[in-house]
Amino acid sequence: MNFRIQFIPEAVKDYQSLDGSIKKKVNDKIEKLKKNPFLGDALGNKNGIDLTGFYKIYLSKKVYRIVYRILKEKLEIIEILDMGKRDKLEIYNIIKKRKSTKT
């Protein structure tokens, strides 16, 4: 079974700003996610940022990561919230802002 992938609008912009070689790696990970949504590592509390229900996947030797969650409706949907360089907690702070406007 393949799961449907959807990007939030901000993540579309993040994706479009990536270098072509990184986009290819993101695409490869997303193809794997379609088959197994639990491929990533579950996130919990990251320095006071509650990311329970979110997952992360690393790519490009852990320089980049994708943060996503699984939405349950009539079928399972994987929603991409962000992808970008692994720069300390920056991506988690971005997700904190984005999830507060989406939940």
N, C-alpha and C. Protein backbone atom coordinates (compact mmCIF):
# COMPACT_ATOMS: atom_id res chain seq x y z
N MET A 1 0.85 -1.19 0.00
CA MET A 1 0.00 0.00 0.00
C MET A 1 0.88 1.24 0.00
N ASN A 2 0.60 2.15 -0.89
CA ASN A 2 1.30 3.43 -0.90
C ASN A 2 0.48 4.47 -0.18
N PHE A 3 1.13 5.24 0.66
CA PHE A 3 0.49 6.33 1.37
C PHE A 3 0.62 7.59 0.55
N ARG A 4 -0.32 8.48 0.74
CA ARG A 4 -0.31 9.76 0.02
C ARG A 4 0.57 10.74 0.78
N ILE A 5 1.35 11.50 0.06
CA ILE A 5 2.24 12.51 0.65
C ILE A 5 1.68 13.88 0.30
N GLN A 6 1.62 14.76 1.28
CA GLN A 6 1.25 16.15 0.99
C GLN A 6 2.19 17.06 1.76
N PHE A 7 2.50 18.18 1.14
CA PHE A 7 3.36 19.19 1.75
C PHE A 7 2.49 20.33 2.23
N ILE A 8 2.82 20.89 3.38
CA ILE A 8 2.16 22.14 3.76
C ILE A 8 2.76 23.22 2.87
N PRO A 9 2.07 24.34 2.65
CA PRO A 9 2.58 25.35 1.71
C PRO A 9 4.00 25.84 2.03
N GLU A 10 4.31 26.01 3.29
CA GLU A 10 5.65 26.48 3.65
C GLU A 10 6.72 25.45 3.27
N ALA A 11 6.39 24.16 3.40
CA ALA A 11 7.34 23.11 3.05
C ALA A 11 7.56 23.05 1.54
N VAL A 12 6.54 23.41 0.76
CA VAL A 12 6.70 23.48 -0.70
C VAL A 12 7.77 24.51 -1.03
N LYS A 13 7.70 25.66 -0.39
CA LYS A 13 8.70 26.71 -0.62
C LYS A 13 10.09 26.24 -0.19
N ASP A 14 10.15 25.54 0.96
CA ASP A 14 11.44 25.01 1.42
C ASP A 14 12.00 24.03 0.40
N TYR A 15 11.14 23.16 -0.11
CA TYR A 15 11.57 22.17 -1.11
C TYR A 15 12.08 22.86 -2.37
N GLN A 16 11.36 23.86 -2.84
CA GLN A 16 11.75 24.56 -4.06
C GLN A 16 13.09 25.28 -3.91
N SER A 17 13.45 25.64 -2.68
CA SER A 17 14.71 26.36 -2.47
C SER A 17 15.91 25.42 -2.36
N LEU A 18 15.67 24.12 -2.32
CA LEU A 18 16.77 23.17 -2.19
C LEU A 18 17.54 23.01 -3.49
N ASP A 19 18.81 22.70 -3.36
CA ASP A 19 19.66 22.36 -4.49
C ASP A 19 19.13 21.10 -5.17
N GLY A 20 19.34 20.99 -6.46
CA GLY A 20 18.82 19.86 -7.23
C GLY A 20 19.24 18.50 -6.71
N SER A 21 20.50 18.37 -6.27
CA SER A 21 20.97 17.07 -5.77
C SER A 21 20.29 16.72 -4.45
N ILE A 22 19.99 17.72 -3.64
CA ILE A 22 19.30 17.48 -2.37
C ILE A 22 17.83 17.14 -2.65
N LYS A 23 17.22 17.81 -3.62
CA LYS A 23 15.84 17.49 -4.00
C LYS A 23 15.72 16.02 -4.39
N LYS A 24 16.72 15.52 -5.13
CA LYS A 24 16.70 14.11 -5.54
C LYS A 24 16.72 13.20 -4.31
N LYS A 25 17.54 13.54 -3.33
CA LYS A 25 17.61 12.74 -2.10
C LYS A 25 16.31 12.82 -1.31
N VAL A 26 15.70 14.02 -1.28
CA VAL A 26 14.40 14.18 -0.63
C VAL A 26 13.37 13.32 -1.35
N ASN A 27 13.37 13.36 -2.67
CA ASN A 27 12.42 12.56 -3.45
C ASN A 27 12.59 11.07 -3.17
N ASP A 28 13.85 10.62 -3.07
CA ASP A 28 14.11 9.21 -2.77
C ASP A 28 13.55 8.83 -1.40
N LYS A 29 13.74 9.68 -0.41
CA LYS A 29 13.22 9.40 0.94
C LYS A 29 11.69 9.40 0.94
N ILE A 30 11.11 10.32 0.19
CA ILE A 30 9.65 10.39 0.13
C ILE A 30 9.07 9.13 -0.52
N GLU A 31 9.75 8.62 -1.53
CA GLU A 31 9.30 7.37 -2.15
C GLU A 31 9.32 6.23 -1.14
N LYS A 32 10.33 6.20 -0.30
CA LYS A 32 10.41 5.17 0.75
C LYS A 32 9.32 5.38 1.81
N LEU A 33 9.05 6.66 2.12
CA LEU A 33 8.00 6.98 3.08
C LEU A 33 6.62 6.53 2.60
N LYS A 34 6.40 6.61 1.31
CA LYS A 34 5.11 6.18 0.75
C LYS A 34 4.82 4.72 1.08
N LYS A 35 5.86 3.93 1.17
CA LYS A 35 5.71 2.51 1.46
C LYS A 35 5.73 2.21 2.95
N ASN A 36 6.45 3.03 3.72
CA ASN A 36 6.59 2.80 5.16
C ASN A 36 6.61 4.13 5.90
N PRO A 37 5.47 4.60 6.38
CA PRO A 37 5.43 5.91 7.04
C PRO A 37 6.17 5.94 8.38
N PHE A 38 6.51 4.77 8.91
CA PHE A 38 7.23 4.73 10.19
C PHE A 38 8.73 4.57 10.00
N LEU A 39 9.20 4.92 8.82
CA LEU A 39 10.62 4.83 8.49
C LEU A 39 11.46 5.76 9.37
N GLY A 40 10.92 6.92 9.70
CA GLY A 40 11.66 7.91 10.48
C GLY A 40 11.65 7.59 11.97
N ASP A 41 12.42 8.38 12.70
CA ASP A 41 12.48 8.26 14.15
C ASP A 41 11.43 9.17 14.77
N ALA A 42 10.71 8.65 15.75
CA ALA A 42 9.69 9.44 16.44
C ALA A 42 10.35 10.56 17.24
N LEU A 43 9.73 11.71 17.19
CA LEU A 43 10.19 12.86 17.98
C LEU A 43 9.30 12.98 19.22
N GLY A 44 9.82 13.56 20.23
CA GLY A 44 9.05 13.81 21.44
C GLY A 44 9.24 15.26 21.82
N ASN A 45 9.82 15.48 22.97
CA ASN A 45 10.08 16.82 23.46
C ASN A 45 11.53 17.18 23.13
N LYS A 46 11.72 18.20 22.35
CA LYS A 46 13.05 18.66 21.97
C LYS A 46 13.27 20.04 22.57
N ASN A 47 13.98 20.06 23.69
CA ASN A 47 14.30 21.33 24.38
C ASN A 47 13.06 22.20 24.58
N GLY A 48 12.00 21.61 25.09
CA GLY A 48 10.79 22.36 25.40
C GLY A 48 9.83 22.51 24.24
N ILE A 49 10.16 21.95 23.09
CA ILE A 49 9.28 21.99 21.92
C ILE A 49 8.58 20.64 21.84
N ASP A 50 7.28 20.61 22.02
CA ASP A 50 6.54 19.36 22.00
C ASP A 50 6.31 18.91 20.55
N LEU A 51 7.03 17.88 20.15
CA LEU A 51 6.92 17.36 18.80
C LEU A 51 6.38 15.93 18.82
N THR A 52 5.60 15.62 19.82
CA THR A 52 4.98 14.31 19.91
C THR A 52 4.09 14.09 18.69
N GLY A 53 4.22 12.93 18.07
CA GLY A 53 3.44 12.63 16.87
C GLY A 53 4.16 12.98 15.58
N PHE A 54 5.33 13.57 15.68
CA PHE A 54 6.13 13.92 14.51
C PHE A 54 7.29 12.95 14.38
N TYR A 55 7.80 12.84 13.17
CA TYR A 55 8.93 11.96 12.88
C TYR A 55 9.98 12.74 12.11
N LYS A 56 11.21 12.22 12.16
CA LYS A 56 12.30 12.84 11.39
C LYS A 56 13.03 11.76 10.62
N ILE A 57 13.51 12.15 9.45
CA ILE A 57 14.36 11.29 8.63
C ILE A 57 15.56 12.13 8.22
N TYR A 58 16.74 11.55 8.37
CA TYR A 58 17.96 12.22 7.93
C TYR A 58 18.29 11.85 6.50
N LEU A 59 18.99 12.76 5.84
CA LEU A 59 19.53 12.45 4.52
C LEU A 59 20.82 13.21 4.32
N SER A 60 21.55 12.82 3.32
CA SER A 60 22.81 13.46 2.97
C SER A 60 23.76 13.50 4.17
N LYS A 61 24.04 12.31 4.72
CA LYS A 61 24.95 12.14 5.86
C LYS A 61 24.53 12.97 7.06
N LYS A 62 23.25 13.02 7.32
CA LYS A 62 22.65 13.73 8.45
C LYS A 62 22.83 15.25 8.39
N VAL A 63 23.12 15.78 7.21
CA VAL A 63 23.22 17.23 7.05
C VAL A 63 21.82 17.83 6.95
N TYR A 64 20.90 17.09 6.35
CA TYR A 64 19.52 17.54 6.18
C TYR A 64 18.58 16.58 6.89
N ARG A 65 17.41 17.07 7.21
CA ARG A 65 16.37 16.20 7.75
C ARG A 65 15.01 16.64 7.25
N ILE A 66 14.11 15.68 7.22
CA ILE A 66 12.72 15.91 6.87
C ILE A 66 11.91 15.65 8.14
N VAL A 67 11.02 16.56 8.47
CA VAL A 67 10.12 16.38 9.62
C VAL A 67 8.71 16.22 9.07
N TYR A 68 8.02 15.19 9.55
CA TYR A 68 6.68 14.90 9.04
C TYR A 68 5.81 14.31 10.14
N ARG A 69 4.53 14.20 9.86
CA ARG A 69 3.60 13.50 10.74
C ARG A 69 2.63 12.72 9.89
N ILE A 70 1.98 11.77 10.51
CA ILE A 70 1.03 10.92 9.82
C ILE A 70 -0.37 11.38 10.19
N LEU A 71 -1.14 11.75 9.19
CA LEU A 71 -2.51 12.21 9.41
C LEU A 71 -3.45 11.05 9.16
N LYS A 72 -4.38 10.86 10.05
CA LYS A 72 -5.34 9.77 9.87
C LYS A 72 -6.70 10.36 9.51
N GLU A 73 -7.13 10.03 8.33
CA GLU A 73 -8.46 10.43 7.88
C GLU A 73 -9.11 9.16 7.34
N LYS A 74 -9.68 9.19 6.16
CA LYS A 74 -10.21 7.98 5.56
C LYS A 74 -9.07 7.03 5.21
N LEU A 75 -7.94 7.60 4.90
CA LEU A 75 -6.74 6.83 4.65
C LEU A 75 -5.58 7.57 5.29
N GLU A 76 -4.49 6.91 5.39
CA GLU A 76 -3.33 7.53 6.01
C GLU A 76 -2.65 8.49 5.05
N ILE A 77 -2.31 9.66 5.56
CA ILE A 77 -1.63 10.69 4.77
C ILE A 77 -0.38 11.09 5.54
N ILE A 78 0.72 11.23 4.83
CA ILE A 78 1.95 11.72 5.43
C ILE A 78 2.08 13.18 5.04
N GLU A 79 2.15 14.05 6.03
CA GLU A 79 2.23 15.50 5.79
C GLU A 79 3.65 15.97 6.10
N ILE A 80 4.32 16.53 5.11
CA ILE A 80 5.66 17.06 5.27
C ILE A 80 5.56 18.49 5.78
N LEU A 81 6.22 18.76 6.91
CA LEU A 81 6.18 20.09 7.48
C LEU A 81 7.41 20.91 7.18
N ASP A 82 8.53 20.25 6.98
CA ASP A 82 9.74 21.00 6.68
C ASP A 82 10.84 20.05 6.27
N MET A 83 11.82 20.58 5.57
CA MET A 83 13.06 19.88 5.31
C MET A 83 14.13 20.93 5.19
N GLY A 84 15.28 20.63 5.69
CA GLY A 84 16.35 21.62 5.62
C GLY A 84 17.58 21.12 6.33
N LYS A 85 18.58 21.97 6.34
CA LYS A 85 19.84 21.62 6.98
C LYS A 85 19.63 21.32 8.45
N ARG A 86 20.42 20.40 8.92
CA ARG A 86 20.39 20.02 10.33
C ARG A 86 21.23 21.04 11.08
N ASP A 87 20.61 22.11 11.51
CA ASP A 87 21.31 23.21 12.15
C ASP A 87 20.77 23.39 13.56
N LYS A 88 21.36 22.67 14.49
CA LYS A 88 20.95 22.69 15.89
C LYS A 88 19.46 22.45 15.99
N LEU A 89 18.71 23.32 16.60
CA LEU A 89 17.27 23.11 16.79
C LEU A 89 16.43 23.99 15.87
N GLU A 90 17.05 24.60 14.88
CA GLU A 90 16.33 25.54 14.02
C GLU A 90 15.09 24.92 13.39
N ILE A 91 15.22 23.72 12.84
CA ILE A 91 14.07 23.09 12.18
C ILE A 91 12.94 22.83 13.17
N TYR A 92 13.28 22.49 14.41
CA TYR A 92 12.24 22.21 15.40
C TYR A 92 11.52 23.49 15.82
N ASN A 93 12.23 24.60 15.87
CA ASN A 93 11.58 25.88 16.16
C ASN A 93 10.64 26.29 15.02
N ILE A 94 11.05 25.98 13.79
CA ILE A 94 10.18 26.26 12.65
C ILE A 94 8.92 25.41 12.74
N ILE A 95 9.09 24.12 13.06
CA ILE A 95 7.94 23.22 13.18
C ILE A 95 7.02 23.67 14.30
N LYS A 96 7.60 24.14 15.40
CA LYS A 96 6.79 24.63 16.52
C LYS A 96 5.85 25.73 16.03
N LYS A 97 6.37 26.66 15.24
CA LYS A 97 5.55 27.75 14.71
C LYS A 97 4.51 27.22 13.72
N ARG A 98 4.93 26.34 12.85
CA ARG A 98 4.04 25.84 11.81
C ARG A 98 2.93 24.95 12.38
N LYS A 99 3.26 24.13 13.36
CA LYS A 99 2.24 23.22 13.89
C LYS A 99 1.18 23.97 14.69
N SER A 100 1.56 25.09 15.29
CA SER A 100 0.58 25.85 16.05
C SER A 100 -0.47 26.50 15.14
N THR A 101 -0.11 26.72 13.88
CA THR A 101 -1.08 27.29 12.95
C THR A 101 -1.88 26.22 12.21
N LYS A 102 -1.45 24.95 12.32
CA LYS A 102 -2.09 23.86 11.57
C LYS A 102 -2.97 22.97 12.43
N THR A 103 -2.80 22.98 13.75
CA THR A 103 -3.57 22.06 14.59
C THR A 103 -4.78 22.69 15.18
